[in-house]
Amino acid sequence: AEKEKRREGRRAVLLLLLSFAEIKEEMK
């Protein structure tokens, strides 16, 4: 169960980075 949690956390981090990069592009 812990392994699945870790995988979900990694996916959440990737989504956060993606949305952050998109916001950065829009601010230019």
N, C-alpha and C. Protein backbone atom coordinates (compact mmCIF):
# COMPACT_ATOMS: atom_id res chain seq x y z
N ALA A 1 0.85 -1.21 0.00
CA ALA A 1 0.00 0.00 0.00
C ALA A 1 0.88 1.25 0.00
N GLU A 2 1.99 1.19 0.74
CA GLU A 2 2.86 2.37 0.80
C GLU A 2 3.47 2.68 -0.56
N LYS A 3 3.81 1.63 -1.31
CA LYS A 3 4.40 1.85 -2.63
C LYS A 3 3.42 2.61 -3.53
N GLU A 4 2.15 2.23 -3.45
CA GLU A 4 1.14 2.93 -4.28
C GLU A 4 1.05 4.40 -3.86
N LYS A 5 1.10 4.64 -2.57
CA LYS A 5 1.02 6.03 -2.08
C LYS A 5 2.19 6.83 -2.64
N ARG A 6 3.36 6.23 -2.61
CA ARG A 6 4.54 6.94 -3.11
C ARG A 6 4.37 7.26 -4.59
N ARG A 7 3.83 6.30 -5.35
CA ARG A 7 3.66 6.51 -6.79
C ARG A 7 2.66 7.65 -7.02
N GLU A 8 1.58 7.66 -6.25
CA GLU A 8 0.58 8.72 -6.41
C GLU A 8 1.20 10.08 -6.06
N GLY A 9 2.02 10.10 -5.03
CA GLY A 9 2.67 11.36 -4.63
C GLY A 9 3.56 11.87 -5.75
N ARG A 10 4.30 10.96 -6.38
CA ARG A 10 5.19 11.38 -7.45
C ARG A 10 4.37 11.96 -8.61
N ARG A 11 3.22 11.31 -8.89
CA ARG A 11 2.37 11.80 -9.98
C ARG A 11 1.84 13.19 -9.64
N ALA A 12 1.48 13.39 -8.38
CA ALA A 12 0.96 14.70 -7.96
C ALA A 12 2.05 15.76 -8.12
N VAL A 13 3.28 15.41 -7.78
CA VAL A 13 4.38 16.37 -7.91
C VAL A 13 4.59 16.72 -9.38
N LEU A 14 4.53 15.72 -10.25
CA LEU A 14 4.71 15.98 -11.68
C LEU A 14 3.61 16.91 -12.19
N LEU A 15 2.38 16.65 -11.76
CA LEU A 15 1.27 17.51 -12.20
C LEU A 15 1.48 18.93 -11.68
N LEU A 16 1.96 19.06 -10.45
CA LEU A 16 2.21 20.39 -9.88
C LEU A 16 3.27 21.12 -10.71
N LEU A 17 4.35 20.42 -11.04
CA LEU A 17 5.42 21.05 -11.83
C LEU A 17 4.89 21.47 -13.19
N LEU A 18 4.07 20.62 -13.80
CA LEU A 18 3.51 20.95 -15.12
C LEU A 18 2.65 22.20 -15.04
N SER A 19 1.74 22.24 -14.08
CA SER A 19 0.85 23.41 -13.97
C SER A 19 1.69 24.65 -13.63
N PHE A 20 2.71 24.50 -12.81
CA PHE A 20 3.57 25.64 -12.46
C PHE A 20 4.28 26.17 -13.70
N ALA A 21 4.78 25.25 -14.55
CA ALA A 21 5.47 25.66 -15.78
C ALA A 21 4.50 26.40 -16.69
N GLU A 22 3.26 25.91 -16.76
CA GLU A 22 2.27 26.57 -17.63
C GLU A 22 1.99 27.98 -17.12
N ILE A 23 1.87 28.14 -15.81
CA ILE A 23 1.61 29.47 -15.23
C ILE A 23 2.79 30.39 -15.56
N LYS A 24 4.01 29.87 -15.45
CA LYS A 24 5.20 30.67 -15.74
C LYS A 24 5.16 31.16 -17.19
N GLU A 25 4.77 30.27 -18.10
CA GLU A 25 4.71 30.64 -19.52
C GLU A 25 3.67 31.74 -19.72
N GLU A 26 2.54 31.65 -19.01
CA GLU A 26 1.48 32.64 -19.20
C GLU A 26 1.91 34.00 -18.65
N MET A 27 2.78 34.00 -17.65
CA MET A 27 3.20 35.27 -17.03
C MET A 27 4.18 36.03 -17.92
N LYS A 28 4.81 35.36 -18.86
CA LYS A 28 5.80 36.02 -19.71
C LYS A 28 5.18 37.16 -20.50
